[in-house]
Structure formats: structure tokens, C-alpha cells
Amino acid sequence: VREGALADPTVASDEDLRRVTDAAAAAGV
């Protein structure tokens, strides 16, 4: 995250991050 940014479209939501970690877990990673 860019320090001091009021709005940053590159910030992942909890849902985005859960999807990423679930995909890794499904692959055994």
C-alpha cells in the first residue's frame, strides 16, 4: 500500500486475499 494514500485501488480486500490463500492451499502451497 502506498503510504499516506487516502484511496489506493491496488489494495486487496479481505475477499481478494482469501481467494489467493485458498488457491494456494488447494495446490498444497
mmCIF file of all heavy atoms, coordinates in Angstrom:
data_MODEL
# 
_entry.id   MODEL 
# 
loop_
_atom_site.group_PDB 
_atom_site.id 
_atom_site.type_symbol 
_atom_site.label_atom_id 
_atom_site.label_alt_id 
_atom_site.label_comp_id 
_atom_site.label_asym_id 
_atom_site.label_entity_id 
_atom_site.label_seq_id 
_atom_site.pdbx_PDB_ins_code 
_atom_site.Cartn_x 
_atom_site.Cartn_y 
_atom_site.Cartn_z 
_atom_site.occupancy 
_atom_site.B_iso_or_equiv 
_atom_site.pdbx_formal_charge 
_atom_site.auth_seq_id 
_atom_site.auth_comp_id 
_atom_site.auth_asym_id 
_atom_site.auth_atom_id 
_atom_site.pdbx_PDB_model_num 
ATOM 1   N N   . VAL A 1 1  ? 0.845   -1.185  0.000  1.00 0.00 ? 1  VAL A N   1 
ATOM 2   C CA  . VAL A 1 1  ? 0.000   0.000   0.000  1.00 0.00 ? 1  VAL A CA  1 
ATOM 3   C C   . VAL A 1 1  ? 0.884   1.240   0.000  1.00 0.00 ? 1  VAL A C   1 
ATOM 4   O O   . VAL A 1 1  ? 1.865   1.303   0.740  1.00 0.00 ? 1  VAL A O   1 
ATOM 5   C CB  . VAL A 1 1  ? -0.887  0.006   1.272  1.00 0.00 ? 1  VAL A CB  1 
ATOM 6   C CG1 . VAL A 1 1  ? -1.775  1.228   1.306  1.00 0.00 ? 1  VAL A CG1 1 
ATOM 7   C CG2 . VAL A 1 1  ? -1.685  -1.270  1.353  1.00 0.00 ? 1  VAL A CG2 1 
ATOM 8   N N   . ARG A 1 2  ? 0.519   2.227   -0.829 1.00 0.00 ? 2  ARG A N   1 
ATOM 9   C CA  . ARG A 1 2  ? 1.277   3.485   -0.826 1.00 0.00 ? 2  ARG A CA  1 
ATOM 10  C C   . ARG A 1 2  ? 1.010   4.219   0.479  1.00 0.00 ? 2  ARG A C   1 
ATOM 11  O O   . ARG A 1 2  ? -0.124  4.474   0.849  1.00 0.00 ? 2  ARG A O   1 
ATOM 12  C CB  . ARG A 1 2  ? 0.897   4.367   -2.002 1.00 0.00 ? 2  ARG A CB  1 
ATOM 13  C CG  . ARG A 1 2  ? 1.696   5.666   -2.043 1.00 0.00 ? 2  ARG A CG  1 
ATOM 14  C CD  . ARG A 1 2  ? 1.263   6.560   -3.169 1.00 0.00 ? 2  ARG A CD  1 
ATOM 15  N NE  . ARG A 1 2  ? 1.652   6.036   -4.446 1.00 0.00 ? 2  ARG A NE  1 
ATOM 16  C CZ  . ARG A 1 2  ? 2.801   6.299   -5.054 1.00 0.00 ? 2  ARG A CZ  1 
ATOM 17  N NH1 . ARG A 1 2  ? 3.682   7.073   -4.463 1.00 0.00 ? 2  ARG A NH1 1 
ATOM 18  N NH2 . ARG A 1 2  ? 3.084   5.791   -6.225 1.00 0.00 ? 2  ARG A NH2 1 
ATOM 19  N N   . GLU A 1 3  ? 2.086   4.552   1.185  1.00 0.00 ? 3  GLU A N   1 
ATOM 20  C CA  . GLU A 1 3  ? 1.985   5.235   2.472  1.00 0.00 ? 3  GLU A CA  1 
ATOM 21  C C   . GLU A 1 3  ? 1.294   6.588   2.303  1.00 0.00 ? 3  GLU A C   1 
ATOM 22  O O   . GLU A 1 3  ? 1.645   7.371   1.430  1.00 0.00 ? 3  GLU A O   1 
ATOM 23  C CB  . GLU A 1 3  ? 3.397   5.441   3.029  1.00 0.00 ? 3  GLU A CB  1 
ATOM 24  C CG  . GLU A 1 3  ? 3.451   5.862   4.458  1.00 0.00 ? 3  GLU A CG  1 
ATOM 25  C CD  . GLU A 1 3  ? 4.880   5.887   4.947  1.00 0.00 ? 3  GLU A CD  1 
ATOM 26  O OE1 . GLU A 1 3  ? 5.429   4.805   5.218  1.00 0.00 ? 3  GLU A OE1 1 
ATOM 27  O OE2 . GLU A 1 3  ? 5.441   6.991   5.039  1.00 0.00 ? 3  GLU A OE2 1 
ATOM 28  N N   . GLY A 1 4  ? 0.283   6.837   3.132  1.00 0.00 ? 4  GLY A N   1 
ATOM 29  C CA  . GLY A 1 4  ? -0.404  8.118   3.113  1.00 0.00 ? 4  GLY A CA  1 
ATOM 30  C C   . GLY A 1 4  ? -1.500  8.238   2.065  1.00 0.00 ? 4  GLY A C   1 
ATOM 31  O O   . GLY A 1 4  ? -2.164  9.265   1.994  1.00 0.00 ? 4  GLY A O   1 
ATOM 32  N N   . ALA A 1 5  ? -1.714  7.202   1.255  1.00 0.00 ? 5  ALA A N   1 
ATOM 33  C CA  . ALA A 1 5  ? -2.753  7.278   0.224  1.00 0.00 ? 5  ALA A CA  1 
ATOM 34  C C   . ALA A 1 5  ? -4.132  7.181   0.871  1.00 0.00 ? 5  ALA A C   1 
ATOM 35  O O   . ALA A 1 5  ? -4.388  6.304   1.686  1.00 0.00 ? 5  ALA A O   1 
ATOM 36  C CB  . ALA A 1 5  ? -2.570  6.149   -0.784 1.00 0.00 ? 5  ALA A CB  1 
ATOM 37  N N   . LEU A 1 6  ? -5.017  8.090   0.502  1.00 0.00 ? 6  LEU A N   1 
ATOM 38  C CA  . LEU A 1 6  ? -6.376  8.060   1.044  1.00 0.00 ? 6  LEU A CA  1 
ATOM 39  C C   . LEU A 1 6  ? -7.195  6.950   0.388  1.00 0.00 ? 6  LEU A C   1 
ATOM 40  O O   . LEU A 1 6  ? -8.030  6.326   1.022  1.00 0.00 ? 6  LEU A O   1 
ATOM 41  C CB  . LEU A 1 6  ? -7.053  9.413   0.847  1.00 0.00 ? 6  LEU A CB  1 
ATOM 42  C CG  . LEU A 1 6  ? -6.396  10.583  1.597  1.00 0.00 ? 6  LEU A CG  1 
ATOM 43  C CD1 . LEU A 1 6  ? -7.085  11.884  1.253  1.00 0.00 ? 6  LEU A CD1 1 
ATOM 44  C CD2 . LEU A 1 6  ? -6.412  10.332  3.092  1.00 0.00 ? 6  LEU A CD2 1 
ATOM 45  N N   . ALA A 1 7  ? -6.952  6.739   -0.888 1.00 0.00 ? 7  ALA A N   1 
ATOM 46  C CA  . ALA A 1 7  ? -7.619  5.654   -1.619 1.00 0.00 ? 7  ALA A CA  1 
ATOM 47  C C   . ALA A 1 7  ? -6.594  5.039   -2.547 1.00 0.00 ? 7  ALA A C   1 
ATOM 48  O O   . ALA A 1 7  ? -5.897  5.750   -3.268 1.00 0.00 ? 7  ALA A O   1 
ATOM 49  C CB  . ALA A 1 7  ? -8.797  6.199   -2.414 1.00 0.00 ? 7  ALA A CB  1 
ATOM 50  N N   . ASP A 1 8  ? -6.467  3.738   -2.512 1.00 0.00 ? 8  ASP A N   1 
ATOM 51  C CA  . ASP A 1 8  ? -5.472  3.061   -3.331 1.00 0.00 ? 8  ASP A CA  1 
ATOM 52  C C   . ASP A 1 8  ? -6.122  1.839   -3.974 1.00 0.00 ? 8  ASP A C   1 
ATOM 53  O O   . ASP A 1 8  ? -6.444  0.873   -3.282 1.00 0.00 ? 8  ASP A O   1 
ATOM 54  C CB  . ASP A 1 8  ? -4.285  2.641   -2.462 1.00 0.00 ? 8  ASP A CB  1 
ATOM 55  C CG  . ASP A 1 8  ? -3.106  2.122   -3.263 1.00 0.00 ? 8  ASP A CG  1 
ATOM 56  O OD1 . ASP A 1 8  ? -3.280  1.813   -4.461 1.00 0.00 ? 8  ASP A OD1 1 
ATOM 57  O OD2 . ASP A 1 8  ? -2.007  2.030   -2.694 1.00 0.00 ? 8  ASP A OD2 1 
ATOM 58  N N   . PRO A 1 9  ? -6.349  1.876   -5.301 1.00 0.00 ? 9  PRO A N   1 
ATOM 59  C CA  . PRO A 1 9  ? -7.025  0.762   -5.969 1.00 0.00 ? 9  PRO A CA  1 
ATOM 60  C C   . PRO A 1 9  ? -6.200  -0.532  -5.998 1.00 0.00 ? 9  PRO A C   1 
ATOM 61  O O   . PRO A 1 9  ? -6.709  -1.582  -6.335 1.00 0.00 ? 9  PRO A O   1 
ATOM 62  C CB  . PRO A 1 9  ? -7.260  1.286   -7.393 1.00 0.00 ? 9  PRO A CB  1 
ATOM 63  C CG  . PRO A 1 9  ? -6.225  2.342   -7.585 1.00 0.00 ? 9  PRO A CG  1 
ATOM 64  C CD  . PRO A 1 9  ? -5.997  2.942   -6.219 1.00 0.00 ? 9  PRO A CD  1 
ATOM 65  N N   . THR A 1 10 ? -4.933  -0.447  -5.609 1.00 0.00 ? 10 THR A N   1 
ATOM 66  C CA  . THR A 1 10 ? -4.098  -1.648  -5.605 1.00 0.00 ? 10 THR A CA  1 
ATOM 67  C C   . THR A 1 10 ? -4.208  -2.429  -4.294 1.00 0.00 ? 10 THR A C   1 
ATOM 68  O O   . THR A 1 10 ? -3.640  -3.505  -4.176 1.00 0.00 ? 10 THR A O   1 
ATOM 69  C CB  . THR A 1 10 ? -2.614  -1.303  -5.856 1.00 0.00 ? 10 THR A CB  1 
ATOM 70  O OG1 . THR A 1 10 ? -2.122  -0.532  -4.773 1.00 0.00 ? 10 THR A OG1 1 
ATOM 71  C CG2 . THR A 1 10 ? -2.443  -0.551  -7.165 1.00 0.00 ? 10 THR A CG2 1 
ATOM 72  N N   . VAL A 1 11 ? -4.944  -1.885  -3.324 1.00 0.00 ? 11 VAL A N   1 
ATOM 73  C CA  . VAL A 1 11 ? -5.114  -2.567  -2.045 1.00 0.00 ? 11 VAL A CA  1 
ATOM 74  C C   . VAL A 1 11 ? -6.104  -3.718  -2.224 1.00 0.00 ? 11 VAL A C   1 
ATOM 75  O O   . VAL A 1 11 ? -7.213  -3.528  -2.713 1.00 0.00 ? 11 VAL A O   1 
ATOM 76  C CB  . VAL A 1 11 ? -5.626  -1.603  -0.962 1.00 0.00 ? 11 VAL A CB  1 
ATOM 77  C CG1 . VAL A 1 11 ? -5.905  -2.345  0.334  1.00 0.00 ? 11 VAL A CG1 1 
ATOM 78  C CG2 . VAL A 1 11 ? -4.622  -0.499  -0.733 1.00 0.00 ? 11 VAL A CG2 1 
ATOM 79  N N   . ALA A 1 12 ? -5.685  -4.904  -1.828 1.00 0.00 ? 12 ALA A N   1 
ATOM 80  C CA  . ALA A 1 12 ? -6.546  -6.077  -1.934 1.00 0.00 ? 12 ALA A CA  1 
ATOM 81  C C   . ALA A 1 12 ? -7.522  -6.124  -0.767 1.00 0.00 ? 12 ALA A C   1 
ATOM 82  O O   . ALA A 1 12 ? -7.154  -5.823  0.369  1.00 0.00 ? 12 ALA A O   1 
ATOM 83  C CB  . ALA A 1 12 ? -5.696  -7.343  -1.970 1.00 0.00 ? 12 ALA A CB  1 
ATOM 84  N N   . SER A 1 13 ? -8.735  -6.517  -1.057 1.00 0.00 ? 13 SER A N   1 
ATOM 85  C CA  . SER A 1 13 ? -9.736  -6.679  0.004  1.00 0.00 ? 13 SER A CA  1 
ATOM 86  C C   . SER A 1 13 ? -9.490  -8.003  0.727  1.00 0.00 ? 13 SER A C   1 
ATOM 87  O O   . SER A 1 13 ? -8.732  -8.859  0.253  1.00 0.00 ? 13 SER A O   1 
ATOM 88  C CB  . SER A 1 13 ? -11.140 -6.684  -0.600 1.00 0.00 ? 13 SER A CB  1 
ATOM 89  O OG  . SER A 1 13 ? -11.324 -7.862  -1.375 1.00 0.00 ? 13 SER A OG  1 
ATOM 90  N N   . ASP A 1 14 ? -10.151 -8.170  1.859  1.00 0.00 ? 14 ASP A N   1 
ATOM 91  C CA  . ASP A 1 14 ? -10.055 -9.447  2.579  1.00 0.00 ? 14 ASP A CA  1 
ATOM 92  C C   . ASP A 1 14 ? -10.520 -10.591 1.687  1.00 0.00 ? 14 ASP A C   1 
ATOM 93  O O   . ASP A 1 14 ? -9.944  -11.683 1.704  1.00 0.00 ? 14 ASP A O   1 
ATOM 94  C CB  . ASP A 1 14 ? -10.896 -9.405  3.861  1.00 0.00 ? 14 ASP A CB  1 
ATOM 95  C CG  . ASP A 1 14 ? -10.292 -8.486  4.914  1.00 0.00 ? 14 ASP A CG  1 
ATOM 96  O OD1 . ASP A 1 14 ? -9.093  -8.160  4.812  1.00 0.00 ? 14 ASP A OD1 1 
ATOM 97  O OD2 . ASP A 1 14 ? -11.038 -8.093  5.833  1.00 0.00 ? 14 ASP A OD2 1 
ATOM 98  N N   . GLU A 1 15 ? -11.558 -10.343 0.894  1.00 0.00 ? 15 GLU A N   1 
ATOM 99  C CA  . GLU A 1 15 ? -12.072 -11.373 -0.022 1.00 0.00 ? 15 GLU A CA  1 
ATOM 100 C C   . GLU A 1 15 ? -11.026 -11.740 -1.087 1.00 0.00 ? 15 GLU A C   1 
ATOM 101 O O   . GLU A 1 15 ? -10.822 -12.910 -1.390 1.00 0.00 ? 15 GLU A O   1 
ATOM 102 C CB  . GLU A 1 15 ? -13.351 -10.884 -0.693 1.00 0.00 ? 15 GLU A CB  1 
ATOM 103 C CG  . GLU A 1 15 ? -13.977 -11.908 -1.621 1.00 0.00 ? 15 GLU A CG  1 
ATOM 104 C CD  . GLU A 1 15 ? -15.245 -11.369 -2.275 1.00 0.00 ? 15 GLU A CD  1 
ATOM 105 O OE1 . GLU A 1 15 ? -16.000 -10.631 -1.617 1.00 0.00 ? 15 GLU A OE1 1 
ATOM 106 O OE2 . GLU A 1 15 ? -15.440 -11.695 -3.448 1.00 0.00 ? 15 GLU A OE2 1 
ATOM 107 N N   . ASP A 1 16 ? -10.357 -10.717 -1.648 1.00 0.00 ? 16 ASP A N   1 
ATOM 108 C CA  . ASP A 1 16 ? -9.297  -10.972 -2.638 1.00 0.00 ? 16 ASP A CA  1 
ATOM 109 C C   . ASP A 1 16 ? -8.201  -11.844 -2.030 1.00 0.00 ? 16 ASP A C   1 
ATOM 110 O O   . ASP A 1 16 ? -7.757  -12.822 -2.631 1.00 0.00 ? 16 ASP A O   1 
ATOM 111 C CB  . ASP A 1 16 ? -8.658  -9.661  -3.121 1.00 0.00 ? 16 ASP A CB  1 
ATOM 112 C CG  . ASP A 1 16 ? -9.592  -8.782  -3.920 1.00 0.00 ? 16 ASP A CG  1 
ATOM 113 O OD1 . ASP A 1 16 ? -10.457 -9.319  -4.646 1.00 0.00 ? 16 ASP A OD1 1 
ATOM 114 O OD2 . ASP A 1 16 ? -9.453  -7.548  -3.814 1.00 0.00 ? 16 ASP A OD2 1 
ATOM 115 N N   . LEU A 1 17 ? -7.767  -11.475 -0.838 1.00 0.00 ? 17 LEU A N   1 
ATOM 116 C CA  . LEU A 1 17 ? -6.674  -12.197 -0.184 1.00 0.00 ? 17 LEU A CA  1 
ATOM 117 C C   . LEU A 1 17 ? -7.098  -13.614 0.214  1.00 0.00 ? 17 LEU A C   1 
ATOM 118 O O   . LEU A 1 17 ? -6.309  -14.554 0.116  1.00 0.00 ? 17 LEU A O   1 
ATOM 119 C CB  . LEU A 1 17 ? -6.159  -11.424 1.013  1.00 0.00 ? 17 LEU A CB  1 
ATOM 120 C CG  . LEU A 1 17 ? -5.521  -10.073 0.674  1.00 0.00 ? 17 LEU A CG  1 
ATOM 121 C CD1 . LEU A 1 17 ? -5.165  -9.314  1.931  1.00 0.00 ? 17 LEU A CD1 1 
ATOM 122 C CD2 . LEU A 1 17 ? -4.312  -10.251 -0.231 1.00 0.00 ? 17 LEU A CD2 1 
ATOM 123 N N   . ARG A 1 18 ? -8.343  -13.772 0.618  1.00 0.00 ? 18 ARG A N   1 
ATOM 124 C CA  . ARG A 1 18 ? -8.845  -15.106 0.957  1.00 0.00 ? 18 ARG A CA  1 
ATOM 125 C C   . ARG A 1 18 ? -8.854  -15.998 -0.291 1.00 0.00 ? 18 ARG A C   1 
ATOM 126 O O   . ARG A 1 18 ? -8.483  -17.158 -0.247 1.00 0.00 ? 18 ARG A O   1 
ATOM 127 C CB  . ARG A 1 18 ? -10.242 -15.006 1.576  1.00 0.00 ? 18 ARG A CB  1 
ATOM 128 C CG  . ARG A 1 18 ? -10.744 -16.297 2.150  1.00 0.00 ? 18 ARG A CG  1 
ATOM 129 C CD  . ARG A 1 18 ? -12.031 -16.184 2.958  1.00 0.00 ? 18 ARG A CD  1 
ATOM 130 N NE  . ARG A 1 18 ? -12.932 -15.090 2.619  1.00 0.00 ? 18 ARG A NE  1 
ATOM 131 C CZ  . ARG A 1 18 ? -12.993 -13.915 3.276  1.00 0.00 ? 18 ARG A CZ  1 
ATOM 132 N NH1 . ARG A 1 18 ? -12.186 -13.677 4.295  1.00 0.00 ? 18 ARG A NH1 1 
ATOM 133 N NH2 . ARG A 1 18 ? -13.846 -12.986 2.908  1.00 0.00 ? 18 ARG A NH2 1 
ATOM 134 N N   . ARG A 1 19 ? -9.250  -15.426 -1.432 1.00 0.00 ? 19 ARG A N   1 
ATOM 135 C CA  . ARG A 1 19 ? -9.246  -16.173 -2.693 1.00 0.00 ? 19 ARG A CA  1 
ATOM 136 C C   . ARG A 1 19 ? -7.829  -16.629 -3.056 1.00 0.00 ? 19 ARG A C   1 
ATOM 137 O O   . ARG A 1 19 ? -7.607  -17.765 -3.466 1.00 0.00 ? 19 ARG A O   1 
ATOM 138 C CB  . ARG A 1 19 ? -9.857  -15.322 -3.806 1.00 0.00 ? 19 ARG A CB  1 
ATOM 139 C CG  . ARG A 1 19 ? -10.095 -16.073 -5.091 1.00 0.00 ? 19 ARG A CG  1 
ATOM 140 C CD  . ARG A 1 19 ? -10.809 -15.234 -6.151 1.00 0.00 ? 19 ARG A CD  1 
ATOM 141 N NE  . ARG A 1 19 ? -10.129 -13.991 -6.465 1.00 0.00 ? 19 ARG A NE  1 
ATOM 142 C CZ  . ARG A 1 19 ? -10.537 -12.791 -6.076 1.00 0.00 ? 19 ARG A CZ  1 
ATOM 143 N NH1 . ARG A 1 19 ? -11.596 -12.652 -5.329 1.00 0.00 ? 19 ARG A NH1 1 
ATOM 144 N NH2 . ARG A 1 19 ? -9.861  -11.712 -6.426 1.00 0.00 ? 19 ARG A NH2 1 
ATOM 145 N N   . VAL A 1 20 ? -6.854  -15.736 -2.850 1.00 0.00 ? 20 VAL A N   1 
ATOM 146 C CA  . VAL A 1 20 ? -5.459  -16.066 -3.149 1.00 0.00 ? 20 VAL A CA  1 
ATOM 147 C C   . VAL A 1 20 ? -4.947  -17.162 -2.219 1.00 0.00 ? 20 VAL A C   1 
ATOM 148 O O   . VAL A 1 20 ? -4.347  -18.141 -2.670 1.00 0.00 ? 20 VAL A O   1 
ATOM 149 C CB  . VAL A 1 20 ? -4.573  -14.795 -3.038 1.00 0.00 ? 20 VAL A CB  1 
ATOM 150 C CG1 . VAL A 1 20 ? -3.108  -15.149 -3.046 1.00 0.00 ? 20 VAL A CG1 1 
ATOM 151 C CG2 . VAL A 1 20 ? -4.899  -13.825 -4.162 1.00 0.00 ? 20 VAL A CG2 1 
ATOM 152 N N   . THR A 1 21 ? -5.203  -17.018 -0.937 1.00 0.00 ? 21 THR A N   1 
ATOM 153 C CA  . THR A 1 21 ? -4.704  -18.026 0.018  1.00 0.00 ? 21 THR A CA  1 
ATOM 154 C C   . THR A 1 21 ? -5.431  -19.355 -0.164 1.00 0.00 ? 21 THR A C   1 
ATOM 155 O O   . THR A 1 21 ? -4.825  -20.411 -0.004 1.00 0.00 ? 21 THR A O   1 
ATOM 156 C CB  . THR A 1 21 ? -4.809  -17.537 1.480  1.00 0.00 ? 21 THR A CB  1 
ATOM 157 O OG1 . THR A 1 21 ? -6.163  -17.180 1.768  1.00 0.00 ? 21 THR A OG1 1 
ATOM 158 C CG2 . THR A 1 21 ? -3.903  -16.341 1.730  1.00 0.00 ? 21 THR A CG2 1 
ATOM 159 N N   . ASP A 1 22 ? -6.711  -19.315 -0.524 1.00 0.00 ? 22 ASP A N   1 
ATOM 160 C CA  . ASP A 1 22 ? -7.446  -20.552 -0.798 1.00 0.00 ? 22 ASP A CA  1 
ATOM 161 C C   . ASP A 1 22 ? -6.887  -21.273 -2.024 1.00 0.00 ? 22 ASP A C   1 
ATOM 162 O O   . ASP A 1 22 ? -6.771  -22.498 -2.035 1.00 0.00 ? 22 ASP A O   1 
ATOM 163 C CB  . ASP A 1 22 ? -8.941  -20.283 -0.997 1.00 0.00 ? 22 ASP A CB  1 
ATOM 164 C CG  . ASP A 1 22 ? -9.663  -19.916 0.291  1.00 0.00 ? 22 ASP A CG  1 
ATOM 165 O OD1 . ASP A 1 22 ? -9.068  -20.060 1.380  1.00 0.00 ? 22 ASP A OD1 1 
ATOM 166 O OD2 . ASP A 1 22 ? -10.838 -19.480 0.198  1.00 0.00 ? 22 ASP A OD2 1 
ATOM 167 N N   . ALA A 1 23 ? -6.530  -20.510 -3.062 1.00 0.00 ? 23 ALA A N   1 
ATOM 168 C CA  . ALA A 1 23 ? -5.947  -21.112 -4.268 1.00 0.00 ? 23 ALA A CA  1 
ATOM 169 C C   . ALA A 1 23 ? -4.612  -21.768 -3.941 1.00 0.00 ? 23 ALA A C   1 
ATOM 170 O O   . ALA A 1 23 ? -4.311  -22.871 -4.427 1.00 0.00 ? 23 ALA A O   1 
ATOM 171 C CB  . ALA A 1 23 ? -5.767  -20.056 -5.362 1.00 0.00 ? 23 ALA A CB  1 
ATOM 172 N N   . ALA A 1 24 ? -3.814  -21.119 -3.115 1.00 0.00 ? 24 ALA A N   1 
ATOM 173 C CA  . ALA A 1 24 ? -2.529  -21.699 -2.712 1.00 0.00 ? 24 ALA A CA  1 
ATOM 174 C C   . ALA A 1 24 ? -2.759  -22.967 -1.897 1.00 0.00 ? 24 ALA A C   1 
ATOM 175 O O   . ALA A 1 24 ? -2.115  -23.998 -2.146 1.00 0.00 ? 24 ALA A O   1 
ATOM 176 C CB  . ALA A 1 24 ? -1.716  -20.694 -1.915 1.00 0.00 ? 24 ALA A CB  1 
ATOM 177 N N   . ALA A 1 25 ? -3.679  -22.916 -0.951 1.00 0.00 ? 25 ALA A N   1 
ATOM 178 C CA  . ALA A 1 25 ? -3.962  -24.082 -0.107 1.00 0.00 ? 25 ALA A CA  1 
ATOM 179 C C   . ALA A 1 25 ? -4.467  -25.253 -0.945 1.00 0.00 ? 25 ALA A C   1 
ATOM 180 O O   . ALA A 1 25 ? -4.080  -26.404 -0.713 1.00 0.00 ? 25 ALA A O   1 
ATOM 181 C CB  . ALA A 1 25 ? -4.984  -23.718 0.967  1.00 0.00 ? 25 ALA A CB  1 
ATOM 182 N N   . ALA A 1 26 ? -5.305  -24.958 -1.942 1.00 0.00 ? 26 ALA A N   1 
ATOM 183 C CA  . ALA A 1 26 ? -5.825  -26.015 -2.817 1.00 0.00 ? 26 ALA A CA  1 
ATOM 184 C C   . ALA A 1 26 ? -4.708  -26.704 -3.593 1.00 0.00 ? 26 ALA A C   1 
ATOM 185 O O   . ALA A 1 26 ? -4.814  -27.885 -3.941 1.00 0.00 ? 26 ALA A O   1 
ATOM 186 C CB  . ALA A 1 26 ? -6.865  -25.445 -3.782 1.00 0.00 ? 26 ALA A CB  1 
ATOM 187 N N   . ALA A 1 27 ? -3.639  -25.966 -3.852 1.00 0.00 ? 27 ALA A N   1 
ATOM 188 C CA  . ALA A 1 27 ? -2.484  -26.535 -4.564 1.00 0.00 ? 27 ALA A CA  1 
ATOM 189 C C   . ALA A 1 27 ? -1.467  -27.139 -3.595 1.00 0.00 ? 27 ALA A C   1 
ATOM 190 O O   . ALA A 1 27 ? -0.399  -27.584 -4.017 1.00 0.00 ? 27 ALA A O   1 
ATOM 191 C CB  . ALA A 1 27 ? -1.822  -25.454 -5.417 1.00 0.00 ? 27 ALA A CB  1 
ATOM 192 N N   . GLY A 1 28 ? -1.767  -27.099 -2.302 1.00 0.00 ? 28 GLY A N   1 
ATOM 193 C CA  . GLY A 1 28 ? -0.849  -27.643 -1.315 1.00 0.00 ? 28 GLY A CA  1 
ATOM 194 C C   . GLY A 1 28 ? 0.341   -26.748 -1.024 1.00 0.00 ? 28 GLY A C   1 
ATOM 195 O O   . GLY A 1 28 ? 1.396   -27.207 -0.596 1.00 0.00 ? 28 GLY A O   1 
ATOM 196 N N   . VAL A 1 29 ? 0.163   -25.451 -1.225 1.00 0.00 ? 29 VAL A N   1 
ATOM 197 C CA  . VAL A 1 29 ? 1.254   -24.483 -1.051 1.00 0.00 ? 29 VAL A CA  1 
ATOM 198 C C   . VAL A 1 29 ? 0.989   -23.642 0.199  1.00 0.00 ? 29 VAL A C   1 
ATOM 199 O O   . VAL A 1 29 ? -0.088  -23.062 0.347  1.00 0.00 ? 29 VAL A O   1 
ATOM 200 C CB  . VAL A 1 29 ? 1.359   -23.561 -2.292 1.00 0.00 ? 29 VAL A CB  1 
ATOM 201 C CG1 . VAL A 1 29 ? 2.352   -22.436 -2.060 1.00 0.00 ? 29 VAL A CG1 1 
ATOM 202 C CG2 . VAL A 1 29 ? 1.732   -24.368 -3.528 1.00 0.00 ? 29 VAL A CG2 1 
# 
